[in-house]
Amino acid sequence: RDGNRATVALTFEVSDDPGGCADADLDGFEAAACGGDDCDDG
């Protein structure tokens, strides 16, 4: 709100063989659909 600005750039890979599931909600637990223990990965 003071007019200060910051920008960062990220890159990531998209592959047909990613080697596992991503932790969509960033809580450190893999989704149950991928064999993990997180019943709500959102």
PDB file of all heavy atoms in Angstrom:
ATOM      1  N   ARG A   1       0.810  -1.227   0.000  1.00  0.00           N
ATOM      2  CA  ARG A   1       0.000   0.000   0.000  1.00  0.00           C
ATOM      3  C   ARG A   1       0.839   1.272   0.000  1.00  0.00           C
ATOM      4  O   ARG A   1       0.322   2.357  -0.207  1.00  0.00           O
ATOM      5  CB  ARG A   1      -0.954  -0.021   1.188  1.00  0.00           C
ATOM      6  CG  ARG A   1      -1.971  -1.138   1.023  1.00  0.00           C
ATOM      7  CD  ARG A   1      -2.978  -1.137   2.139  1.00  0.00           C
ATOM      8  NE  ARG A   1      -3.933  -2.205   1.914  1.00  0.00           N
ATOM      9  CZ  ARG A   1      -5.218  -2.006   1.651  1.00  0.00           C
ATOM     10  NH1 ARG A   1      -5.701  -0.804   1.614  1.00  0.00           N
ATOM     11  NH2 ARG A   1      -6.009  -3.031   1.461  1.00  0.00           N
ATOM     12  N   ASP A   2       2.160   1.134   0.221  1.00  0.00           N
ATOM     13  CA  ASP A   2       3.051   2.295   0.185  1.00  0.00           C
ATOM     14  C   ASP A   2       3.725   2.465  -1.173  1.00  0.00           C
ATOM     15  O   ASP A   2       4.601   3.310  -1.330  1.00  0.00           O
ATOM     16  CB  ASP A   2       4.125   2.163   1.270  1.00  0.00           C
ATOM     17  CG  ASP A   2       3.538   2.184   2.670  1.00  0.00           C
ATOM     18  OD1 ASP A   2       2.538   2.903   2.881  1.00  0.00           O
ATOM     19  OD2 ASP A   2       4.081   1.477   3.540  1.00  0.00           O
ATOM     20  N   GLY A   3       3.354   1.629  -2.138  1.00  0.00           N
ATOM     21  CA  GLY A   3       3.933   1.724  -3.472  1.00  0.00           C
ATOM     22  C   GLY A   3       5.192   0.906  -3.672  1.00  0.00           C
ATOM     23  O   GLY A   3       5.828   0.997  -4.722  1.00  0.00           O
ATOM     24  N   ASN A   4       5.595   0.111  -2.690  1.00  0.00           N
ATOM     25  CA  ASN A   4       6.756  -0.757  -2.839  1.00  0.00           C
ATOM     26  C   ASN A   4       6.353  -1.997  -3.639  1.00  0.00           C
ATOM     27  O   ASN A   4       5.245  -2.501  -3.488  1.00  0.00           O
ATOM     28  CB  ASN A   4       7.300  -1.176  -1.475  1.00  0.00           C
ATOM     29  CG  ASN A   4       7.744   0.021  -0.669  1.00  0.00           C
ATOM     30  OD1 ASN A   4       8.540   0.818  -1.135  1.00  0.00           O
ATOM     31  ND2 ASN A   4       7.219   0.149   0.535  1.00  0.00           N
ATOM     32  N   ARG A   5       7.273  -2.487  -4.449  1.00  0.00           N
ATOM     33  CA  ARG A   5       6.985  -3.619  -5.319  1.00  0.00           C
ATOM     34  C   ARG A   5       8.119  -4.641  -5.235  1.00  0.00           C
ATOM     35  O   ARG A   5       9.277  -4.262  -5.118  1.00  0.00           O
ATOM     36  CB  ARG A   5       6.857  -3.132  -6.750  1.00  0.00           C
ATOM     37  CG  ARG A   5       6.674  -4.216  -7.779  1.00  0.00           C
ATOM     38  CD  ARG A   5       6.600  -3.660  -9.178  1.00  0.00           C
ATOM     39  NE  ARG A   5       5.466  -2.754  -9.263  1.00  0.00           N
ATOM     40  CZ  ARG A   5       5.336  -1.807 -10.168  1.00  0.00           C
ATOM     41  NH1 ARG A   5       6.263  -1.624 -11.079  1.00  0.00           N
ATOM     42  NH2 ARG A   5       4.278  -1.029 -10.179  1.00  0.00           N
ATOM     43  N   ALA A   6       7.757  -5.911  -5.321  1.00  0.00           N
ATOM     44  CA  ALA A   6       8.756  -6.980  -5.385  1.00  0.00           C
ATOM     45  C   ALA A   6       8.246  -8.049  -6.351  1.00  0.00           C
ATOM     46  O   ALA A   6       7.045  -8.323  -6.412  1.00  0.00           O
ATOM     47  CB  ALA A   6       9.001  -7.585  -4.011  1.00  0.00           C
ATOM     48  N   THR A   7       9.173  -8.626  -7.116  1.00  0.00           N
ATOM     49  CA  THR A   7       8.836  -9.661  -8.086  1.00  0.00           C
ATOM     50  C   THR A   7       9.883 -10.767  -8.003  1.00  0.00           C
ATOM     51  O   THR A   7      11.075 -10.476  -7.876  1.00  0.00           O
ATOM     52  CB  THR A   7       8.830  -9.091  -9.521  1.00  0.00           C
ATOM     53  OG1 THR A   7       7.920  -7.998  -9.580  1.00  0.00           O
ATOM     54  CG2 THR A   7       8.427 -10.140 -10.535  1.00  0.00           C
ATOM     55  N   VAL A   8       9.437 -12.017  -8.076  1.00  0.00           N
ATOM     56  CA  VAL A   8      10.359 -13.148  -8.181  1.00  0.00           C
ATOM     57  C   VAL A   8       9.882 -14.064  -9.302  1.00  0.00           C
ATOM     58  O   VAL A   8       8.694 -14.117  -9.617  1.00  0.00           O
ATOM     59  CB  VAL A   8      10.496 -13.966  -6.871  1.00  0.00           C
ATOM     60  CG1 VAL A   8      11.116 -13.146  -5.777  1.00  0.00           C
ATOM     61  CG2 VAL A   8       9.179 -14.534  -6.435  1.00  0.00           C
ATOM     62  N   ALA A   9      10.828 -14.755  -9.900  1.00  0.00           N
ATOM     63  CA  ALA A   9      10.529 -15.711 -10.970  1.00  0.00           C
ATOM     64  C   ALA A   9      10.890 -17.110 -10.489  1.00  0.00           C
ATOM     65  O   ALA A   9      11.904 -17.304  -9.812  1.00  0.00           O
ATOM     66  CB  ALA A   9      11.326 -15.359 -12.218  1.00  0.00           C
ATOM     67  N   LEU A  10      10.049 -18.067 -10.837  1.00  0.00           N
ATOM     68  CA  LEU A  10      10.255 -19.468 -10.477  1.00  0.00           C
ATOM     69  C   LEU A  10      10.215 -20.312 -11.739  1.00  0.00           C
ATOM     70  O   LEU A  10       9.581 -19.927 -12.719  1.00  0.00           O
ATOM     71  CB  LEU A  10       9.132 -19.958  -9.560  1.00  0.00           C
ATOM     72  CG  LEU A  10       8.882 -19.192  -8.275  1.00  0.00           C
ATOM     73  CD1 LEU A  10       7.538 -19.584  -7.693  1.00  0.00           C
ATOM     74  CD2 LEU A  10       9.982 -19.514  -7.302  1.00  0.00           C
ATOM     75  N   THR A  11      10.848 -21.474 -11.707  1.00  0.00           N
ATOM     76  CA  THR A  11      10.682 -22.442 -12.780  1.00  0.00           C
ATOM     77  C   THR A  11      10.371 -23.788 -12.165  1.00  0.00           C
ATOM     78  O   THR A  11      10.725 -24.067 -11.009  1.00  0.00           O
ATOM     79  CB  THR A  11      11.948 -22.580 -13.654  1.00  0.00           C
ATOM     80  OG1 THR A  11      13.040 -22.987 -12.842  1.00  0.00           O
ATOM     81  CG2 THR A  11      12.274 -21.284 -14.365  1.00  0.00           C
ATOM     82  N   PHE A  12       9.674 -24.623 -12.922  1.00  0.00           N
ATOM     83  CA  PHE A  12       9.398 -25.996 -12.509  1.00  0.00           C
ATOM     84  C   PHE A  12       9.273 -26.846 -13.759  1.00  0.00           C
ATOM     85  O   PHE A  12       9.085 -26.327 -14.862  1.00  0.00           O
ATOM     86  CB  PHE A  12       8.141 -26.085 -11.626  1.00  0.00           C
ATOM     87  CG  PHE A  12       6.891 -25.541 -12.260  1.00  0.00           C
ATOM     88  CD1 PHE A  12       6.067 -26.352 -13.034  1.00  0.00           C
ATOM     89  CD2 PHE A  12       6.529 -24.211 -12.079  1.00  0.00           C
ATOM     90  CE1 PHE A  12       4.916 -25.847 -13.611  1.00  0.00           C
ATOM     91  CE2 PHE A  12       5.373 -23.698 -12.652  1.00  0.00           C
ATOM     92  CZ  PHE A  12       4.556 -24.521 -13.422  1.00  0.00           C
ATOM     93  N   GLU A  13       9.420 -28.132 -13.588  1.00  0.00           N
ATOM     94  CA  GLU A  13       9.363 -29.061 -14.708  1.00  0.00           C
ATOM     95  C   GLU A  13       8.005 -29.754 -14.755  1.00  0.00           C
ATOM     96  O   GLU A  13       7.422 -30.064 -13.709  1.00  0.00           O
ATOM     97  CB  GLU A  13      10.454 -30.131 -14.587  1.00  0.00           C
ATOM     98  CG  GLU A  13      11.856 -29.597 -14.678  1.00  0.00           C
ATOM     99  CD  GLU A  13      12.177 -29.008 -16.039  1.00  0.00           C
ATOM    100  OE1 GLU A  13      11.802 -29.605 -17.065  1.00  0.00           O
ATOM    101  OE2 GLU A  13      12.805 -27.937 -16.077  1.00  0.00           O
ATOM    102  N   VAL A  14       7.525 -29.997 -15.964  1.00  0.00           N
ATOM    103  CA  VAL A  14       6.349 -30.828 -16.181  1.00  0.00           C
ATOM    104  C   VAL A  14       6.832 -32.009 -17.013  1.00  0.00           C
ATOM    105  O   VAL A  14       7.439 -31.832 -18.069  1.00  0.00           O
ATOM    106  CB  VAL A  14       5.221 -30.056 -16.900  1.00  0.00           C
ATOM    107  CG1 VAL A  14       4.050 -30.989 -17.194  1.00  0.00           C
ATOM    108  CG2 VAL A  14       4.761 -28.881 -16.047  1.00  0.00           C
ATOM    109  N   SER A  15       6.593 -33.201 -16.473  1.00  0.00           N
ATOM    110  CA  SER A  15       7.110 -34.418 -17.093  1.00  0.00           C
ATOM    111  C   SER A  15       6.038 -35.495 -17.091  1.00  0.00           C
ATOM    112  O   SER A  15       5.196 -35.544 -16.190  1.00  0.00           O
ATOM    113  CB  SER A  15       8.340 -34.898 -16.302  1.00  0.00           C
ATOM    114  OG  SER A  15       8.749 -36.175 -16.732  1.00  0.00           O
ATOM    115  N   ASP A  16       6.095 -36.363 -18.080  1.00  0.00           N
ATOM    116  CA  ASP A  16       5.178 -37.508 -18.112  1.00  0.00           C
ATOM    117  C   ASP A  16       5.512 -38.516 -17.024  1.00  0.00           C
ATOM    118  O   ASP A  16       4.706 -39.380 -16.702  1.00  0.00           O
ATOM    119  CB  ASP A  16       5.218 -38.192 -19.483  1.00  0.00           C
ATOM    120  CG  ASP A  16       4.598 -37.328 -20.553  1.00  0.00           C
ATOM    121  OD1 ASP A  16       3.642 -36.584 -20.248  1.00  0.00           O
ATOM    122  OD2 ASP A  16       5.080 -37.383 -21.706  1.00  0.00           O
ATOM    123  N   ASP A  17       6.710 -38.420 -16.435  1.00  0.00           N
ATOM    124  CA  ASP A  17       7.137 -39.318 -15.363  1.00  0.00           C
ATOM    125  C   ASP A  17       7.721 -38.486 -14.225  1.00  0.00           C
ATOM    126  O   ASP A  17       8.939 -38.387 -14.065  1.00  0.00           O
ATOM    127  CB  ASP A  17       8.187 -40.304 -15.878  1.00  0.00           C
ATOM    128  CG  ASP A  17       8.603 -41.304 -14.821  1.00  0.00           C
ATOM    129  OD1 ASP A  17       7.848 -41.525 -13.849  1.00  0.00           O
ATOM    130  OD2 ASP A  17       9.711 -41.869 -14.959  1.00  0.00           O
ATOM    131  N   PRO A  18       6.845 -37.839 -13.412  1.00  0.00           N
ATOM    132  CA  PRO A  18       7.342 -36.928 -12.382  1.00  0.00           C
ATOM    133  C   PRO A  18       7.936 -37.613 -11.159  1.00  0.00           C
ATOM    134  O   PRO A  18       8.512 -36.959 -10.312  1.00  0.00           O
ATOM    135  CB  PRO A  18       6.105 -36.116 -11.994  1.00  0.00           C
ATOM    136  CG  PRO A  18       4.981 -37.055 -12.238  1.00  0.00           C
ATOM    137  CD  PRO A  18       5.398 -37.874 -13.443  1.00  0.00           C
ATOM    138  N   GLY A  19       7.730 -38.907 -10.990  1.00  0.00           N
ATOM    139  CA  GLY A  19       8.340 -39.612  -9.868  1.00  0.00           C
ATOM    140  C   GLY A  19       7.655 -39.372  -8.539  1.00  0.00           C
ATOM    141  O   GLY A  19       8.301 -39.265  -7.519  1.00  0.00           O
ATOM    142  N   GLY A  20       6.356 -39.289  -8.504  1.00  0.00           N
ATOM    143  CA  GLY A  20       5.634 -39.149  -7.245  1.00  0.00           C
ATOM    144  C   GLY A  20       4.599 -38.047  -7.308  1.00  0.00           C
ATOM    145  O   GLY A  20       4.429 -37.393  -8.309  1.00  0.00           O
ATOM    146  N   CYS A  21       3.902 -37.868  -6.220  1.00  0.00           N
ATOM    147  CA  CYS A  21       2.842 -36.868  -6.147  1.00  0.00           C
ATOM    148  C   CYS A  21       3.349 -35.607  -5.451  1.00  0.00           C
ATOM    149  O   CYS A  21       4.198 -35.675  -4.574  1.00  0.00           O
ATOM    150  CB  CYS A  21       1.659 -37.408  -5.343  1.00  0.00           C
ATOM    151  SG  CYS A  21       0.755 -38.695  -6.199  1.00  0.00           S
ATOM    152  N   ALA A  22       2.779 -34.510  -5.827  1.00  0.00           N
ATOM    153  CA  ALA A  22       3.103 -33.239  -5.174  1.00  0.00           C
ATOM    154  C   ALA A  22       2.236 -33.072  -3.931  1.00  0.00           C
ATOM    155  O   ALA A  22       1.131 -33.591  -3.857  1.00  0.00           O
ATOM    156  CB  ALA A  22       2.850 -32.099  -6.138  1.00  0.00           C
ATOM    157  N   ASP A  23       2.758 -32.358  -2.943  1.00  0.00           N
ATOM    158  CA  ASP A  23       2.010 -32.024  -1.732  1.00  0.00           C
ATOM    159  C   ASP A  23       1.281 -30.711  -2.001  1.00  0.00           C
ATOM    160  O   ASP A  23       1.828 -29.638  -1.820  1.00  0.00           O
ATOM    161  CB  ASP A  23       2.983 -31.893  -0.565  1.00  0.00           C
ATOM    162  CG  ASP A  23       2.330 -31.456   0.727  1.00  0.00           C
ATOM    163  OD1 ASP A  23       1.098 -31.556   0.838  1.00  0.00           O
ATOM    164  OD2 ASP A  23       3.052 -31.015   1.626  1.00  0.00           O
ATOM    165  N   ALA A  24       0.033 -30.796  -2.469  1.00  0.00           N
ATOM    166  CA  ALA A  24      -0.700 -29.625  -2.958  1.00  0.00           C
ATOM    167  C   ALA A  24      -0.910 -28.552  -1.903  1.00  0.00           C
ATOM    168  O   ALA A  24      -0.907 -27.370  -2.207  1.00  0.00           O
ATOM    169  CB  ALA A  24      -2.040 -30.047  -3.555  1.00  0.00           C
ATOM    170  N   ASP A  25      -1.116 -28.924  -0.633  1.00  0.00           N
ATOM    171  CA  ASP A  25      -1.389 -27.905   0.389  1.00  0.00           C
ATOM    172  C   ASP A  25      -0.154 -27.535   1.210  1.00  0.00           C
ATOM    173  O   ASP A  25      -0.238 -26.769   2.164  1.00  0.00           O
ATOM    174  CB  ASP A  25      -2.542 -28.338   1.298  1.00  0.00           C
ATOM    175  CG  ASP A  25      -2.272 -29.637   2.051  1.00  0.00           C
ATOM    176  OD1 ASP A  25      -1.119 -30.145   2.018  1.00  0.00           O
ATOM    177  OD2 ASP A  25      -3.215 -30.148   2.670  1.00  0.00           O
ATOM    178  N   LEU A  26       0.997 -28.074   0.839  1.00  0.00           N
ATOM    179  CA  LEU A  26       2.285 -27.720   1.451  1.00  0.00           C
ATOM    180  C   LEU A  26       2.364 -28.009   2.952  1.00  0.00           C
ATOM    181  O   LEU A  26       3.091 -27.345   3.666  1.00  0.00           O
ATOM    182  CB  LEU A  26       2.613 -26.244   1.190  1.00  0.00           C
ATOM    183  CG  LEU A  26       2.627 -25.803  -0.266  1.00  0.00           C
ATOM    184  CD1 LEU A  26       2.802 -24.288  -0.347  1.00  0.00           C
ATOM    185  CD2 LEU A  26       3.712 -26.512  -1.039  1.00  0.00           C
ATOM    186  N   ASP A  27       1.630 -29.040   3.413  1.00  0.00           N
ATOM    187  CA  ASP A  27       1.684 -29.353   4.842  1.00  0.00           C
ATOM    188  C   ASP A  27       2.684 -30.451   5.177  1.00  0.00           C
ATOM    189  O   ASP A  27       2.842 -30.828   6.333  1.00  0.00           O
ATOM    190  CB  ASP A  27       0.295 -29.713   5.379  1.00  0.00           C
ATOM    191  CG  ASP A  27      -0.273 -30.998   4.774  1.00  0.00           C
ATOM    192  OD1 ASP A  27       0.385 -31.630   3.925  1.00  0.00           O
ATOM    193  OD2 ASP A  27      -1.400 -31.366   5.157  1.00  0.00           O
ATOM    194  N   GLY A  28       3.389 -30.973   4.165  1.00  0.00           N
ATOM    195  CA  GLY A  28       4.404 -31.988   4.407  1.00  0.00           C
ATOM    196  C   GLY A  28       3.890 -33.415   4.355  1.00  0.00           C
ATOM    197  O   GLY A  28       4.640 -34.351   4.620  1.00  0.00           O
ATOM    198  N   PHE A  29       2.621 -33.618   4.003  1.00  0.00           N
ATOM    199  CA  PHE A  29       2.029 -34.947   3.935  1.00  0.00           C
ATOM    200  C   PHE A  29       1.486 -35.193   2.532  1.00  0.00           C
ATOM    201  O   PHE A  29       0.796 -34.349   1.964  1.00  0.00           O
ATOM    202  CB  PHE A  29       0.907 -35.103   4.969  1.00  0.00           C
ATOM    203  CG  PHE A  29       1.397 -35.019   6.381  1.00  0.00           C
ATOM    204  CD1 PHE A  29       1.452 -33.796   7.035  1.00  0.00           C
ATOM    205  CD2 PHE A  29       1.828 -36.150   7.051  1.00  0.00           C
ATOM    206  CE1 PHE A  29       1.910 -33.698   8.328  1.00  0.00           C
ATOM    207  CE2 PHE A  29       2.299 -36.058   8.356  1.00  0.00           C
ATOM    208  CZ  PHE A  29       2.345 -34.839   8.995  1.00  0.00           C
ATOM    209  N   GLU A  30       1.791 -36.372   1.980  1.00  0.00           N
ATOM    210  CA  GLU A  30       1.346 -36.725   0.634  1.00  0.00           C
ATOM    211  C   GLU A  30      -0.122 -37.121   0.636  1.00  0.00           C
ATOM    212  O   GLU A  30      -0.626 -37.703   1.592  1.00  0.00           O
ATOM    213  CB  GLU A  30       2.204 -37.884   0.119  1.00  0.00           C
ATOM    214  CG  GLU A  30       2.022 -38.162  -1.350  1.00  0.00           C
ATOM    215  CD  GLU A  30       3.002 -39.206  -1.838  1.00  0.00           C
ATOM    216  OE1 GLU A  30       2.740 -40.405  -1.621  1.00  0.00           O
ATOM    217  OE2 GLU A  30       4.017 -38.809  -2.446  1.00  0.00           O
ATOM    218  N   ALA A  31      -0.815 -36.825  -0.460  1.00  0.00           N
ATOM    219  CA  ALA A  31      -2.243 -37.123  -0.603  1.00  0.00           C
ATOM    220  C   ALA A  31      -2.511 -38.625  -0.500  1.00  0.00           C
ATOM    221  O   ALA A  31      -1.713 -39.446  -0.947  1.00  0.00           O
ATOM    222  CB  ALA A  31      -2.747 -36.600  -1.936  1.00  0.00           C
ATOM    223  N   ALA A  32      -3.650 -38.971   0.066  1.00  0.00           N
ATOM    224  CA  ALA A  32      -4.064 -40.372   0.183  1.00  0.00           C
ATOM    225  C   ALA A  32      -4.160 -41.015  -1.196  1.00  0.00           C
ATOM    226  O   ALA A  32      -3.849 -42.200  -1.361  1.00  0.00           O
ATOM    227  CB  ALA A  32      -5.385 -40.466   0.929  1.00  0.00           C
ATOM    228  N   ALA A  33      -4.567 -40.251  -2.208  1.00  0.00           N
ATOM    229  CA  ALA A  33      -4.694 -40.778  -3.566  1.00  0.00           C
ATOM    230  C   ALA A  33      -3.352 -41.228  -4.136  1.00  0.00           C
ATOM    231  O   ALA A  33      -3.307 -42.008  -5.079  1.00  0.00           O
ATOM    232  CB  ALA A  33      -5.316 -39.721  -4.469  1.00  0.00           C
ATOM    233  N   CYS A  34      -2.259 -40.749  -3.549  1.00  0.00           N
ATOM    234  CA  CYS A  34      -0.916 -41.115  -4.013  1.00  0.00           C
ATOM    235  C   CYS A  34      -0.247 -42.088  -3.046  1.00  0.00           C
ATOM    236  O   CYS A  34       0.962 -42.291  -3.105  1.00  0.00           O
ATOM    237  CB  CYS A  34      -0.057 -39.861  -4.137  1.00  0.00           C
ATOM    238  SG  CYS A  34      -0.681 -38.693  -5.342  1.00  0.00           S
ATOM    239  N   GLY A  35      -1.029 -42.639  -2.129  1.00  0.00           N
ATOM    240  CA  GLY A  35      -0.469 -43.581  -1.163  1.00  0.00           C
ATOM    241  C   GLY A  35      -0.040 -42.939   0.140  1.00  0.00           C
ATOM    242  O   GLY A  35       0.502 -43.608   1.009  1.00  0.00           O
ATOM    243  N   GLY A  36      -0.288 -41.637   0.303  1.00  0.00           N
ATOM    244  CA  GLY A  36       0.101 -40.937   1.530  1.00  0.00           C
ATOM    245  C   GLY A  36      -0.991 -40.982   2.583  1.00  0.00           C
ATOM    246  O   GLY A  36      -1.988 -41.714   2.457  1.00  0.00           O
ATOM    247  N   ASP A  37      -0.826 -40.171   3.628  1.00  0.00           N
ATOM    248  CA  ASP A  37      -1.739 -40.164   4.773  1.00  0.00           C
ATOM    249  C   ASP A  37      -2.664 -38.957   4.816  1.00  0.00           C
ATOM    250  O   ASP A  37      -3.486 -38.852   5.718  1.00  0.00           O
ATOM    251  CB  ASP A  37      -0.931 -40.166   6.086  1.00  0.00           C
ATOM    252  CG  ASP A  37      -0.074 -41.406   6.235  1.00  0.00           C
ATOM    253  OD1 ASP A  37      -0.385 -42.422   5.593  1.00  0.00           O
ATOM    254  OD2 ASP A  37       0.919 -41.345   6.992  1.00  0.00           O
ATOM    255  N   ASP A  38      -2.516 -38.002   3.886  1.00  0.00           N
ATOM    256  CA  ASP A  38      -3.288 -36.763   3.929  1.00  0.00           C
ATOM    257  C   ASP A  38      -4.638 -36.971   3.232  1.00  0.00           C
ATOM    258  O   ASP A  38      -4.707 -37.106   2.009  1.00  0.00           O
ATOM    259  CB  ASP A  38      -2.518 -35.634   3.247  1.00  0.00           C
ATOM    260  CG  ASP A  38      -3.062 -34.253   3.579  1.00  0.00           C
ATOM    261  OD1 ASP A  38      -4.213 -34.166   4.033  1.00  0.00           O
ATOM    262  OD2 ASP A  38      -2.325 -33.277   3.374  1.00  0.00           O
ATOM    263  N   CYS A  39      -5.712 -36.989   4.018  1.00  0.00           N
ATOM    264  CA  CYS A  39      -7.038 -37.248   3.442  1.00  0.00           C
ATOM    265  C   CYS A  39      -7.634 -36.013   2.773  1.00  0.00           C
ATOM    266  O   CYS A  39      -8.628 -36.127   2.056  1.00  0.00           O
ATOM    267  CB  CYS A  39      -7.986 -37.792   4.501  1.00  0.00           C
ATOM    268  SG  CYS A  39      -8.305 -36.644   5.850  1.00  0.00           S
ATOM    269  N   ASP A  40      -7.044 -34.815   2.976  1.00  0.00           N
ATOM    270  CA  ASP A  40      -7.514 -33.608   2.307  1.00  0.00           C
ATOM    271  C   ASP A  40      -6.288 -32.782   1.921  1.00  0.00           C
ATOM    272  O   ASP A  40      -5.826 -31.929   2.689  1.00  0.00           O
ATOM    273  CB  ASP A  40      -8.444 -32.795   3.214  1.00  0.00           C
ATOM    274  CG  ASP A  40      -9.044 -31.578   2.514  1.00  0.00           C
ATOM    275  OD1 ASP A  40      -8.605 -31.242   1.396  1.00  0.00           O
ATOM    276  OD2 ASP A  40      -9.952 -30.963   3.093  1.00  0.00           O
ATOM    277  N   ASP A  41      -5.752 -33.038   0.721  1.00  0.00           N
ATOM    278  CA  ASP A  41      -4.527 -32.377   0.294  1.00  0.00           C
ATOM    279  C   ASP A  41      -4.780 -30.967  -0.227  1.00  0.00           C
ATOM    280  O   ASP A  41      -3.901 -30.335  -0.778  1.00  0.00           O
ATOM    281  CB  ASP A  41      -3.807 -33.214  -0.772  1.00  0.00           C
ATOM    282  CG  ASP A  41      -2.316 -32.945  -0.791  1.00  0.00           C
ATOM    283  OD1 ASP A  41      -1.747 -32.618   0.269  1.00  0.00           O
ATOM    284  OD2 ASP A  41      -1.717 -33.042  -1.878  1.00  0.00           O
ATOM    285  N   GLY A  42      -5.977 -30.448  -0.013  1.00  0.00           N
ATOM    286  CA  GLY A  42      -6.284 -29.074  -0.382  1.00  0.00           C
ATOM    287  C   GLY A  42      -6.347 -28.150   0.821  1.00  0.00           C
ATOM    288  O   GLY A  42      -6.565 -26.958   0.695  1.00  0.00           O
TER     289      GLY A  42
END
